[in-house]
Amino acid sequence: MSLNSVVVNENSSMAAMVLHWPPSLQIVNEQFFDFCQANKELRIERTALGDCEIMAPTEGETGWRNSGLIAQLHNWAERDGSGVVFDSSTGYTLPNGAIRSPDVSWVKRTRLAVLTHEQKQRFLPLCPDFVIELRSPSDSLKALQDKMQEYLLNGASLGWLIDPESQRVFIFQPQVPMVILSKPEFLQADDLLAGFSLELQKIWVVGF
């Protein structure tokens, strides 16, 4: 497979560069996984249509915020024990064929328990139960909202899209209109994540 055969389409308002594979290249999951492993310095996703989205590493403020989100959810998950937290390097093969890597994700242990050892060493063949996407300055809000809807359509129970620049949170749940919160101090989701409270004051202001 040669990237010389790939059509590149870059939108200046997006952080991602999109590669359109020509019809002559039928990229199966194993090949796509190997492609990602050969380019570990990049964050690579695949759309349901088969296009490849390549994102460069994030800038410092977004990386700092994302580490805080992971830490808060991880600390709760360790105490709760009902699920496992994954970082933005984790790939999921969704039921619609897309391969996505949310900034933060959580999956119930009961769903992970049925996976084989080999499946756990590849992109996880499921949609996470809970996802968080953190908008960076170069991200398109509309594209992230579409991605959150995709998670819901593929089995996610809850999604939080956090926009530090406007200090807004967009909450996504199945069969419920999107909810927008302005400058919330914390977020809770007791129906799914009993006892978890995400402190957003630690996210709004950069601490380094």
N, C-alpha and C. Protein backbone atom coordinates (compact mmCIF):
# COMPACT_ATOMS: atom_id res chain seq x y z
N MET A 1 0.86 -1.20 0.00
CA MET A 1 0.00 0.00 0.00
C MET A 1 0.89 1.24 0.00
N SER A 2 0.65 2.14 -0.91
CA SER A 2 1.46 3.34 -1.02
C SER A 2 0.62 4.58 -0.81
N LEU A 3 1.14 5.52 -0.01
CA LEU A 3 0.42 6.77 0.19
C LEU A 3 0.42 7.61 -1.07
N ASN A 4 1.24 7.24 -2.07
CA ASN A 4 1.19 7.95 -3.35
C ASN A 4 -0.13 7.73 -4.05
N SER A 5 -0.86 6.69 -3.64
CA SER A 5 -2.15 6.38 -4.25
C SER A 5 -3.31 6.99 -3.49
N VAL A 6 -3.02 7.77 -2.47
CA VAL A 6 -4.06 8.31 -1.61
C VAL A 6 -4.32 9.77 -1.95
N VAL A 7 -5.60 10.13 -2.04
CA VAL A 7 -5.99 11.51 -2.29
C VAL A 7 -6.09 12.23 -0.96
N VAL A 8 -5.43 13.38 -0.83
CA VAL A 8 -5.40 14.13 0.42
C VAL A 8 -6.31 15.34 0.32
N ASN A 9 -7.15 15.53 1.34
CA ASN A 9 -8.02 16.69 1.41
C ASN A 9 -7.87 17.31 2.79
N GLU A 10 -7.30 18.52 2.87
CA GLU A 10 -7.06 19.16 4.15
C GLU A 10 -7.92 20.40 4.27
N ASN A 11 -8.70 20.48 5.35
CA ASN A 11 -9.54 21.63 5.63
C ASN A 11 -8.84 22.46 6.69
N SER A 12 -8.56 23.73 6.40
CA SER A 12 -7.78 24.56 7.30
C SER A 12 -8.47 24.81 8.63
N SER A 13 -9.80 24.62 8.71
CA SER A 13 -10.51 24.85 9.96
C SER A 13 -10.51 23.62 10.86
N MET A 14 -9.91 22.53 10.37
CA MET A 14 -9.91 21.28 11.12
C MET A 14 -8.50 20.92 11.54
N ALA A 15 -8.38 20.21 12.64
CA ALA A 15 -7.08 19.71 13.05
C ALA A 15 -6.68 18.49 12.24
N ALA A 16 -7.65 17.82 11.61
CA ALA A 16 -7.38 16.56 10.94
C ALA A 16 -7.13 16.75 9.45
N MET A 17 -6.25 15.93 8.92
CA MET A 17 -6.06 15.81 7.49
C MET A 17 -6.78 14.53 7.06
N VAL A 18 -7.57 14.60 6.01
CA VAL A 18 -8.39 13.47 5.58
C VAL A 18 -7.77 12.83 4.35
N LEU A 19 -7.57 11.52 4.41
CA LEU A 19 -7.10 10.75 3.27
C LEU A 19 -8.25 9.93 2.72
N HIS A 20 -8.50 10.09 1.42
CA HIS A 20 -9.56 9.31 0.75
C HIS A 20 -8.89 8.15 0.01
N TRP A 21 -9.13 6.94 0.49
CA TRP A 21 -8.56 5.78 -0.18
C TRP A 21 -9.26 5.56 -1.52
N PRO A 22 -8.53 5.32 -2.60
CA PRO A 22 -9.16 5.02 -3.89
C PRO A 22 -9.83 3.66 -3.86
N PRO A 23 -10.85 3.43 -4.72
CA PRO A 23 -11.58 2.15 -4.70
C PRO A 23 -10.68 0.94 -4.89
N SER A 24 -9.53 1.12 -5.55
CA SER A 24 -8.63 -0.01 -5.80
C SER A 24 -7.96 -0.50 -4.53
N LEU A 25 -7.99 0.32 -3.47
CA LEU A 25 -7.39 -0.07 -2.20
C LEU A 25 -8.50 -0.41 -1.20
N GLN A 26 -8.64 -1.66 -0.90
CA GLN A 26 -9.61 -2.11 0.09
C GLN A 26 -8.87 -2.39 1.39
N ILE A 27 -8.91 -1.43 2.34
CA ILE A 27 -8.13 -1.53 3.55
C ILE A 27 -8.94 -2.27 4.62
N VAL A 28 -8.51 -3.46 4.97
CA VAL A 28 -9.20 -4.24 6.00
C VAL A 28 -8.69 -3.80 7.37
N ASN A 29 -9.39 -4.23 8.42
CA ASN A 29 -9.07 -3.79 9.78
C ASN A 29 -7.63 -4.10 10.18
N GLU A 30 -7.14 -5.28 9.82
CA GLU A 30 -5.78 -5.66 10.19
C GLU A 30 -4.76 -4.75 9.52
N GLN A 31 -4.99 -4.39 8.25
CA GLN A 31 -4.07 -3.50 7.55
C GLN A 31 -4.11 -2.10 8.15
N PHE A 32 -5.30 -1.65 8.51
CA PHE A 32 -5.42 -0.32 9.10
C PHE A 32 -4.72 -0.28 10.45
N PHE A 33 -4.85 -1.34 11.23
CA PHE A 33 -4.18 -1.41 12.52
C PHE A 33 -2.66 -1.34 12.32
N ASP A 34 -2.13 -2.07 11.35
CA ASP A 34 -0.69 -2.05 11.09
C ASP A 34 -0.25 -0.67 10.63
N PHE A 35 -1.08 0.00 9.82
CA PHE A 35 -0.78 1.35 9.36
C PHE A 35 -0.67 2.30 10.55
N CYS A 36 -1.58 2.18 11.50
CA CYS A 36 -1.54 3.03 12.70
C CYS A 36 -0.31 2.73 13.55
N GLN A 37 0.04 1.45 13.67
CA GLN A 37 1.20 1.08 14.48
C GLN A 37 2.50 1.60 13.86
N ALA A 38 2.53 1.72 12.54
CA ALA A 38 3.72 2.22 11.86
C ALA A 38 3.84 3.73 11.95
N ASN A 39 2.77 4.39 12.44
CA ASN A 39 2.75 5.86 12.54
C ASN A 39 2.26 6.26 13.92
N LYS A 40 2.92 5.75 14.96
CA LYS A 40 2.45 5.93 16.33
C LYS A 40 2.53 7.37 16.80
N GLU A 41 3.30 8.22 16.11
CA GLU A 41 3.38 9.61 16.51
C GLU A 41 2.13 10.40 16.12
N LEU A 42 1.26 9.79 15.34
CA LEU A 42 0.03 10.42 14.89
C LEU A 42 -1.18 9.74 15.52
N ARG A 43 -2.26 10.50 15.64
CA ARG A 43 -3.54 9.93 16.07
C ARG A 43 -4.38 9.75 14.82
N ILE A 44 -4.71 8.52 14.51
CA ILE A 44 -5.36 8.21 13.24
C ILE A 44 -6.71 7.54 13.49
N GLU A 45 -7.74 8.02 12.81
CA GLU A 45 -9.07 7.43 12.90
C GLU A 45 -9.57 7.10 11.50
N ARG A 46 -10.59 6.25 11.44
CA ARG A 46 -11.22 5.91 10.16
C ARG A 46 -12.71 6.17 10.25
N THR A 47 -13.27 6.81 9.24
CA THR A 47 -14.70 7.09 9.24
C THR A 47 -15.47 5.85 8.80
N ALA A 48 -16.79 5.90 8.97
CA ALA A 48 -17.63 4.77 8.55
C ALA A 48 -17.57 4.56 7.04
N LEU A 49 -17.21 5.62 6.29
CA LEU A 49 -17.09 5.53 4.83
C LEU A 49 -15.73 5.02 4.39
N GLY A 50 -14.82 4.85 5.35
CA GLY A 50 -13.51 4.33 5.03
C GLY A 50 -12.41 5.35 4.86
N ASP A 51 -12.74 6.64 4.98
CA ASP A 51 -11.72 7.68 4.89
C ASP A 51 -10.85 7.67 6.14
N CYS A 52 -9.61 8.09 5.98
CA CYS A 52 -8.65 8.11 7.07
C CYS A 52 -8.43 9.54 7.54
N GLU A 53 -8.61 9.80 8.84
CA GLU A 53 -8.41 11.11 9.42
C GLU A 53 -7.15 11.09 10.27
N ILE A 54 -6.20 11.96 9.93
CA ILE A 54 -4.91 11.99 10.62
C ILE A 54 -4.78 13.30 11.39
N MET A 55 -4.52 13.18 12.69
CA MET A 55 -4.39 14.35 13.56
C MET A 55 -3.00 14.39 14.16
N ALA A 56 -2.41 15.57 14.15
CA ALA A 56 -1.10 15.76 14.75
C ALA A 56 -1.22 15.76 16.27
N PRO A 57 -0.13 15.62 16.99
CA PRO A 57 -0.19 15.71 18.46
C PRO A 57 -0.79 17.04 18.90
N THR A 58 -1.45 17.05 20.05
CA THR A 58 -2.12 18.25 20.54
C THR A 58 -1.10 19.23 21.11
N GLU A 59 -1.55 20.52 21.21
CA GLU A 59 -0.69 21.51 21.83
C GLU A 59 -0.74 21.38 23.35
N GLY A 60 0.10 22.15 24.04
CA GLY A 60 0.30 21.96 25.46
C GLY A 60 -0.93 22.10 26.32
N GLU A 61 -1.73 23.16 26.11
CA GLU A 61 -2.89 23.40 26.97
C GLU A 61 -3.90 22.27 26.85
N THR A 62 -4.16 21.80 25.63
CA THR A 62 -5.12 20.70 25.44
C THR A 62 -4.59 19.43 26.07
N GLY A 63 -3.30 19.15 25.92
CA GLY A 63 -2.72 17.96 26.53
C GLY A 63 -2.81 18.00 28.05
N TRP A 64 -2.58 19.18 28.62
CA TRP A 64 -2.67 19.32 30.08
C TRP A 64 -4.11 19.09 30.55
N ARG A 65 -5.07 19.70 29.85
CA ARG A 65 -6.48 19.52 30.23
C ARG A 65 -6.90 18.06 30.10
N ASN A 66 -6.48 17.42 29.02
CA ASN A 66 -6.90 16.04 28.81
C ASN A 66 -6.33 15.11 29.89
N SER A 67 -5.11 15.37 30.32
CA SER A 67 -4.54 14.55 31.38
C SER A 67 -5.33 14.71 32.67
N GLY A 68 -5.86 15.93 32.92
CA GLY A 68 -6.69 16.15 34.11
C GLY A 68 -8.00 15.40 34.04
N LEU A 69 -8.60 15.37 32.85
CA LEU A 69 -9.85 14.62 32.68
C LEU A 69 -9.64 13.13 32.95
N ILE A 70 -8.58 12.59 32.37
CA ILE A 70 -8.29 11.17 32.55
C ILE A 70 -8.03 10.86 34.02
N ALA A 71 -7.27 11.73 34.68
CA ALA A 71 -6.94 11.48 36.09
C ALA A 71 -8.18 11.45 36.96
N GLN A 72 -9.08 12.40 36.75
CA GLN A 72 -10.30 12.44 37.57
C GLN A 72 -11.16 11.20 37.37
N LEU A 73 -11.36 10.81 36.11
CA LEU A 73 -12.19 9.64 35.83
C LEU A 73 -11.49 8.36 36.29
N HIS A 74 -10.18 8.29 36.09
CA HIS A 74 -9.43 7.09 36.50
C HIS A 74 -9.50 6.90 38.01
N ASN A 75 -9.32 7.97 38.76
CA ASN A 75 -9.35 7.86 40.22
C ASN A 75 -10.71 7.35 40.71
N TRP A 76 -11.79 7.84 40.10
CA TRP A 76 -13.12 7.35 40.47
C TRP A 76 -13.28 5.89 40.07
N ALA A 77 -12.84 5.54 38.85
CA ALA A 77 -13.03 4.18 38.35
C ALA A 77 -12.28 3.16 39.20
N GLU A 78 -11.12 3.54 39.72
CA GLU A 78 -10.36 2.63 40.57
C GLU A 78 -11.13 2.32 41.85
N ARG A 79 -11.83 3.32 42.37
CA ARG A 79 -12.63 3.10 43.58
C ARG A 79 -13.91 2.35 43.27
N ASP A 80 -14.53 2.67 42.15
CA ASP A 80 -15.83 2.08 41.81
C ASP A 80 -15.69 0.63 41.34
N GLY A 81 -14.77 0.38 40.46
CA GLY A 81 -14.48 -0.98 40.02
C GLY A 81 -15.37 -1.56 38.95
N SER A 82 -16.39 -0.83 38.50
CA SER A 82 -17.33 -1.41 37.54
C SER A 82 -16.90 -1.25 36.09
N GLY A 83 -15.88 -0.44 35.85
CA GLY A 83 -15.45 -0.20 34.47
C GLY A 83 -13.99 0.19 34.40
N VAL A 84 -13.52 0.36 33.16
CA VAL A 84 -12.11 0.67 32.91
C VAL A 84 -12.02 1.94 32.08
N VAL A 85 -11.05 2.79 32.42
CA VAL A 85 -10.82 4.06 31.72
C VAL A 85 -9.71 3.88 30.69
N PHE A 86 -9.90 4.48 29.52
CA PHE A 86 -8.89 4.42 28.45
C PHE A 86 -8.56 5.84 27.99
N ASP A 87 -7.31 6.01 27.53
CA ASP A 87 -6.88 7.34 27.09
C ASP A 87 -7.10 7.52 25.59
N SER A 88 -6.60 8.66 25.07
CA SER A 88 -6.87 9.03 23.69
C SER A 88 -6.10 8.19 22.67
N SER A 89 -5.20 7.34 23.12
CA SER A 89 -4.47 6.47 22.21
C SER A 89 -5.24 5.18 21.89
N THR A 90 -6.34 4.95 22.60
CA THR A 90 -7.09 3.71 22.44
C THR A 90 -8.05 3.80 21.26
N GLY A 91 -7.99 2.80 20.38
CA GLY A 91 -8.88 2.75 19.24
C GLY A 91 -10.04 1.79 19.47
N TYR A 92 -11.20 2.17 18.97
CA TYR A 92 -12.41 1.34 19.04
C TYR A 92 -12.94 1.12 17.63
N THR A 93 -13.23 -0.11 17.28
CA THR A 93 -13.91 -0.41 16.03
C THR A 93 -15.41 -0.41 16.31
N LEU A 94 -16.10 0.61 15.85
CA LEU A 94 -17.53 0.76 16.12
C LEU A 94 -18.35 -0.17 15.23
N PRO A 95 -19.59 -0.45 15.61
CA PRO A 95 -20.44 -1.32 14.78
C PRO A 95 -20.62 -0.84 13.35
N ASN A 96 -20.53 0.49 13.10
CA ASN A 96 -20.70 1.00 11.75
C ASN A 96 -19.43 0.92 10.91
N GLY A 97 -18.35 0.37 11.48
CA GLY A 97 -17.10 0.22 10.75
C GLY A 97 -16.08 1.31 10.99
N ALA A 98 -16.50 2.42 11.60
CA ALA A 98 -15.56 3.49 11.92
C ALA A 98 -14.60 3.03 13.01
N ILE A 99 -13.41 3.59 13.01
CA ILE A 99 -12.45 3.36 14.07
C ILE A 99 -12.15 4.71 14.71
N ARG A 100 -12.52 4.85 15.98
CA ARG A 100 -12.43 6.13 16.68
C ARG A 100 -11.57 6.01 17.93
N SER A 101 -11.01 7.16 18.33
CA SER A 101 -10.19 7.24 19.54
C SER A 101 -10.62 8.46 20.34
N PRO A 102 -11.66 8.35 21.17
CA PRO A 102 -12.09 9.50 21.96
C PRO A 102 -11.01 9.94 22.94
N ASP A 103 -11.05 11.20 23.34
CA ASP A 103 -10.04 11.72 24.25
C ASP A 103 -10.01 10.96 25.57
N VAL A 104 -11.18 10.65 26.10
CA VAL A 104 -11.31 9.85 27.32
C VAL A 104 -12.49 8.91 27.13
N SER A 105 -12.37 7.68 27.59
CA SER A 105 -13.48 6.73 27.44
C SER A 105 -13.52 5.78 28.62
N TRP A 106 -14.70 5.22 28.81
CA TRP A 106 -14.93 4.28 29.92
C TRP A 106 -15.81 3.16 29.42
N VAL A 107 -15.43 1.91 29.76
CA VAL A 107 -16.17 0.73 29.31
C VAL A 107 -16.46 -0.17 30.51
N LYS A 108 -17.67 -0.69 30.58
CA LYS A 108 -18.03 -1.59 31.66
C LYS A 108 -17.18 -2.86 31.60
N ARG A 109 -16.76 -3.33 32.76
CA ARG A 109 -15.93 -4.54 32.83
C ARG A 109 -16.67 -5.76 32.28
N THR A 110 -17.98 -5.80 32.44
CA THR A 110 -18.73 -6.95 31.94
C THR A 110 -18.63 -7.08 30.43
N ARG A 111 -18.48 -5.96 29.73
CA ARG A 111 -18.35 -6.01 28.27
C ARG A 111 -16.93 -6.37 27.86
N LEU A 112 -15.95 -5.93 28.65
CA LEU A 112 -14.57 -6.26 28.34
C LEU A 112 -14.26 -7.72 28.65
N ALA A 113 -14.98 -8.30 29.60
CA ALA A 113 -14.69 -9.67 30.04
C ALA A 113 -14.91 -10.70 28.94
N VAL A 114 -15.77 -10.40 27.98
CA VAL A 114 -16.08 -11.37 26.92
C VAL A 114 -15.09 -11.28 25.75
N LEU A 115 -14.19 -10.31 25.77
CA LEU A 115 -13.22 -10.17 24.68
C LEU A 115 -12.08 -11.16 24.87
N THR A 116 -11.55 -11.63 23.77
CA THR A 116 -10.40 -12.54 23.82
C THR A 116 -9.12 -11.73 24.06
N HIS A 117 -8.06 -12.45 24.41
CA HIS A 117 -6.76 -11.79 24.61
C HIS A 117 -6.32 -11.10 23.33
N GLU A 118 -6.54 -11.75 22.19
CA GLU A 118 -6.15 -11.18 20.90
C GLU A 118 -6.95 -9.90 20.60
N GLN A 119 -8.24 -9.90 20.93
CA GLN A 119 -9.05 -8.71 20.69
C GLN A 119 -8.58 -7.52 21.54
N LYS A 120 -8.15 -7.81 22.76
CA LYS A 120 -7.68 -6.74 23.64
C LYS A 120 -6.36 -6.15 23.17
N GLN A 121 -5.62 -6.87 22.34
CA GLN A 121 -4.35 -6.38 21.83
C GLN A 121 -4.52 -5.59 20.53
N ARG A 122 -5.75 -5.49 20.04
CA ARG A 122 -6.04 -4.72 18.83
C ARG A 122 -6.98 -3.58 19.20
N PHE A 123 -7.55 -2.93 18.19
CA PHE A 123 -8.59 -1.95 18.48
C PHE A 123 -9.77 -2.69 19.10
N LEU A 124 -10.29 -2.17 20.19
CA LEU A 124 -11.38 -2.87 20.88
C LEU A 124 -12.63 -2.90 20.00
N PRO A 125 -13.22 -4.08 19.79
CA PRO A 125 -14.36 -4.21 18.87
C PRO A 125 -15.70 -3.87 19.53
N LEU A 126 -15.82 -2.62 19.97
CA LEU A 126 -17.04 -2.18 20.62
C LEU A 126 -17.05 -0.66 20.69
N CYS A 127 -18.19 -0.11 21.08
CA CYS A 127 -18.29 1.32 21.33
C CYS A 127 -18.25 1.53 22.84
N PRO A 128 -17.44 2.48 23.32
CA PRO A 128 -17.40 2.70 24.78
C PRO A 128 -18.75 3.13 25.32
N ASP A 129 -18.98 2.87 26.60
CA ASP A 129 -20.23 3.26 27.24
C ASP A 129 -20.28 4.78 27.49
N PHE A 130 -19.12 5.36 27.74
CA PHE A 130 -19.04 6.79 28.08
C PHE A 130 -17.82 7.39 27.39
N VAL A 131 -18.00 8.55 26.76
CA VAL A 131 -16.89 9.20 26.08
C VAL A 131 -16.83 10.68 26.45
N ILE A 132 -15.61 11.21 26.46
CA ILE A 132 -15.40 12.64 26.60
C ILE A 132 -14.54 13.08 25.42
N GLU A 133 -14.97 14.13 24.74
CA GLU A 133 -14.15 14.77 23.73
C GLU A 133 -13.84 16.18 24.20
N LEU A 134 -12.58 16.57 24.08
CA LEU A 134 -12.12 17.88 24.50
C LEU A 134 -11.76 18.69 23.26
N ARG A 135 -12.45 19.81 23.08
CA ARG A 135 -12.21 20.60 21.88
C ARG A 135 -10.91 21.40 22.01
N SER A 136 -10.03 21.26 21.02
CA SER A 136 -8.82 22.06 20.97
C SER A 136 -9.09 23.28 20.08
N PRO A 137 -8.24 24.30 20.11
CA PRO A 137 -8.50 25.53 19.34
C PRO A 137 -8.70 25.30 17.85
N SER A 138 -8.10 24.27 17.29
CA SER A 138 -8.20 24.03 15.86
C SER A 138 -9.34 23.11 15.46
N ASP A 139 -10.08 22.57 16.43
CA ASP A 139 -11.16 21.62 16.14
C ASP A 139 -12.43 22.33 15.68
N SER A 140 -13.12 21.73 14.73
CA SER A 140 -14.44 22.18 14.32
C SER A 140 -15.48 21.68 15.31
N LEU A 141 -16.25 22.60 15.89
CA LEU A 141 -17.28 22.20 16.85
C LEU A 141 -18.31 21.30 16.19
N LYS A 142 -18.71 21.62 14.98
CA LYS A 142 -19.72 20.81 14.27
C LYS A 142 -19.21 19.39 14.05
N ALA A 143 -17.95 19.25 13.66
CA ALA A 143 -17.40 17.92 13.43
C ALA A 143 -17.37 17.10 14.71
N LEU A 144 -17.03 17.74 15.83
CA LEU A 144 -17.03 17.02 17.11
C LEU A 144 -18.44 16.64 17.55
N GLN A 145 -19.40 17.51 17.31
CA GLN A 145 -20.78 17.18 17.65
C GLN A 145 -21.27 16.00 16.81
N ASP A 146 -20.91 15.98 15.54
CA ASP A 146 -21.27 14.84 14.68
C ASP A 146 -20.64 13.55 15.19
N LYS A 147 -19.39 13.65 15.67
CA LYS A 147 -18.71 12.47 16.20
C LYS A 147 -19.41 11.97 17.46
N MET A 148 -19.86 12.89 18.30
CA MET A 148 -20.58 12.49 19.51
C MET A 148 -21.88 11.76 19.16
N GLN A 149 -22.57 12.26 18.15
CA GLN A 149 -23.80 11.59 17.71
C GLN A 149 -23.49 10.20 17.18
N GLU A 150 -22.35 10.06 16.51
CA GLU A 150 -21.94 8.75 16.01
C GLU A 150 -21.74 7.76 17.15
N TYR A 151 -21.11 8.22 18.24
CA TYR A 151 -20.96 7.34 19.40
C TYR A 151 -22.31 6.86 19.92
N LEU A 152 -23.27 7.78 20.02
CA LEU A 152 -24.59 7.41 20.52
C LEU A 152 -25.25 6.38 19.61
N LEU A 153 -25.17 6.60 18.30
CA LEU A 153 -25.80 5.69 17.34
C LEU A 153 -25.16 4.31 17.35
N ASN A 154 -23.94 4.23 17.87
CA ASN A 154 -23.24 2.95 17.90
C ASN A 154 -23.20 2.30 19.28
N GLY A 155 -23.95 2.87 20.24
CA GLY A 155 -24.11 2.18 21.51
C GLY A 155 -23.67 2.91 22.76
N ALA A 156 -23.08 4.09 22.65
CA ALA A 156 -22.67 4.83 23.85
C ALA A 156 -23.90 5.28 24.63
N SER A 157 -23.79 5.30 25.95
CA SER A 157 -24.88 5.73 26.81
C SER A 157 -24.79 7.20 27.18
N LEU A 158 -23.58 7.78 27.07
CA LEU A 158 -23.39 9.16 27.49
C LEU A 158 -22.13 9.72 26.86
N GLY A 159 -22.21 10.99 26.45
CA GLY A 159 -21.04 11.67 25.91
C GLY A 159 -20.99 13.11 26.37
N TRP A 160 -19.80 13.56 26.75
CA TRP A 160 -19.61 14.96 27.13
C TRP A 160 -18.59 15.58 26.17
N LEU A 161 -19.00 16.64 25.51
CA LEU A 161 -18.12 17.41 24.65
C LEU A 161 -17.78 18.70 25.38
N ILE A 162 -16.52 18.88 25.72
CA ILE A 162 -16.09 20.01 26.54
C ILE A 162 -15.34 21.01 25.67
N ASP A 163 -15.80 22.27 25.69
CA ASP A 163 -15.18 23.34 24.91
C ASP A 163 -14.58 24.37 25.87
N PRO A 164 -13.28 24.27 26.17
CA PRO A 164 -12.66 25.18 27.15
C PRO A 164 -12.73 26.65 26.73
N GLU A 165 -12.64 26.93 25.43
CA GLU A 165 -12.61 28.32 24.98
C GLU A 165 -13.88 29.07 25.36
N SER A 166 -15.04 28.44 25.17
CA SER A 166 -16.31 29.08 25.52
C SER A 166 -16.80 28.66 26.90
N GLN A 167 -16.08 27.74 27.54
CA GLN A 167 -16.46 27.18 28.84
C GLN A 167 -17.89 26.62 28.80
N ARG A 168 -18.15 25.86 27.74
CA ARG A 168 -19.44 25.19 27.59
C ARG A 168 -19.23 23.69 27.52
N VAL A 169 -20.27 22.97 27.96
CA VAL A 169 -20.29 21.51 27.86
C VAL A 169 -21.55 21.09 27.12
N PHE A 170 -21.37 20.22 26.13
CA PHE A 170 -22.48 19.69 25.35
C PHE A 170 -22.69 18.24 25.78
N ILE A 171 -23.88 17.95 26.27
CA ILE A 171 -24.17 16.62 26.82
C ILE A 171 -25.04 15.84 25.82
N PHE A 172 -24.60 14.63 25.52
CA PHE A 172 -25.27 13.77 24.54
C PHE A 172 -25.73 12.48 25.21
N GLN A 173 -27.01 12.16 25.02
CA GLN A 173 -27.58 10.91 25.49
C GLN A 173 -28.53 10.37 24.44
N PRO A 174 -28.70 9.05 24.35
CA PRO A 174 -29.57 8.47 23.33
C PRO A 174 -31.02 8.97 23.45
N GLN A 175 -31.59 9.32 22.32
CA GLN A 175 -33.00 9.70 22.22
C GLN A 175 -33.36 10.91 23.10
N VAL A 176 -32.37 11.74 23.37
CA VAL A 176 -32.58 12.96 24.17
C VAL A 176 -31.91 14.12 23.43
N PRO A 177 -32.57 15.27 23.32
CA PRO A 177 -31.93 16.41 22.65
C PRO A 177 -30.64 16.81 23.36
N MET A 178 -29.69 17.29 22.59
CA MET A 178 -28.42 17.74 23.16
C MET A 178 -28.67 18.86 24.17
N VAL A 179 -27.97 18.79 25.30
CA VAL A 179 -28.07 19.79 26.35
C VAL A 179 -26.77 20.59 26.38
N ILE A 180 -26.88 21.92 26.50
CA ILE A 180 -25.71 22.78 26.56
C ILE A 180 -25.66 23.45 27.92
N LEU A 181 -24.54 23.29 28.61
CA LEU A 181 -24.33 23.94 29.91
C LEU A 181 -23.26 25.01 29.76
N SER A 182 -23.51 26.17 30.33
CA SER A 182 -22.55 27.28 30.26
C SER A 182 -21.82 27.43 31.59
N LYS A 183 -20.50 27.30 31.53
CA LYS A 183 -19.61 27.46 32.68
C LYS A 183 -20.01 26.63 33.90
N PRO A 184 -20.32 25.35 33.72
CA PRO A 184 -20.64 24.51 34.90
C PRO A 184 -19.40 24.30 35.75
N GLU A 185 -19.60 24.20 37.06
CA GLU A 185 -18.47 23.95 37.96
C GLU A 185 -18.13 22.47 38.05
N PHE A 186 -19.14 21.62 37.82
CA PHE A 186 -18.90 20.18 37.86
C PHE A 186 -19.96 19.48 37.03
N LEU A 187 -19.69 18.21 36.69
CA LEU A 187 -20.63 17.38 35.95
C LEU A 187 -20.80 16.06 36.69
N GLN A 188 -22.04 15.55 36.68
CA GLN A 188 -22.32 14.25 37.29
C GLN A 188 -23.21 13.44 36.36
N ALA A 189 -23.13 12.13 36.50
CA ALA A 189 -23.94 11.22 35.69
C ALA A 189 -24.22 9.97 36.49
N ASP A 190 -25.00 10.13 37.56
CA ASP A 190 -25.20 9.03 38.51
C ASP A 190 -25.89 7.82 37.90
N ASP A 191 -26.67 8.01 36.83
CA ASP A 191 -27.33 6.86 36.20
C ASP A 191 -26.32 5.88 35.63
N LEU A 192 -25.18 6.38 35.18
CA LEU A 192 -24.16 5.53 34.57
C LEU A 192 -22.90 5.45 35.42
N LEU A 193 -22.48 6.60 35.95
CA LEU A 193 -21.23 6.69 36.70
C LEU A 193 -21.54 7.13 38.12
N ALA A 194 -22.11 6.23 38.89
CA ALA A 194 -22.59 6.57 40.23
C ALA A 194 -21.46 7.08 41.12
N GLY A 195 -21.63 8.30 41.64
CA GLY A 195 -20.65 8.86 42.54
C GLY A 195 -19.53 9.64 41.87
N PHE A 196 -19.50 9.67 40.55
CA PHE A 196 -18.45 10.41 39.85
C PHE A 196 -18.85 11.87 39.67
N SER A 197 -17.94 12.77 39.99
CA SER A 197 -18.16 14.21 39.80
C SER A 197 -16.92 14.78 39.13
N LEU A 198 -17.09 15.33 37.94
CA LEU A 198 -15.98 15.93 37.21
C LEU A 198 -15.88 17.40 37.56
N GLU A 199 -14.77 17.79 38.18
CA GLU A 199 -14.56 19.17 38.58
C GLU A 199 -14.02 19.96 37.38
N LEU A 200 -14.81 20.89 36.87
CA LEU A 200 -14.43 21.61 35.68
C LEU A 200 -13.62 22.88 35.98
N GLN A 201 -13.64 23.34 37.21
CA GLN A 201 -12.80 24.50 37.55
C GLN A 201 -11.33 24.17 37.31
N LYS A 202 -10.97 22.89 37.41
CA LYS A 202 -9.61 22.46 37.16
C LYS A 202 -9.31 22.37 35.67
N ILE A 203 -10.35 22.45 34.84
CA ILE A 203 -10.19 22.34 33.40
C ILE A 203 -10.22 23.71 32.72
N TRP A 204 -11.07 24.61 33.23
CA TRP A 204 -11.24 25.91 32.59
C TRP A 204 -9.98 26.74 32.63
N VAL A 205 -9.24 26.69 33.72
CA VAL A 205 -8.06 27.54 33.87
C VAL A 205 -6.81 26.69 33.80
N VAL A 206 -5.92 27.04 32.87
CA VAL A 206 -4.68 26.28 32.71
C VAL A 206 -3.78 26.48 33.91
N GLY A 207 -3.28 25.37 34.46
CA GLY A 207 -2.51 25.45 35.70
C GLY A 207 -1.03 25.24 35.54
N PHE A 208 -0.47 25.62 34.40
CA PHE A 208 1.00 25.53 34.29
C PHE A 208 1.52 26.74 33.54
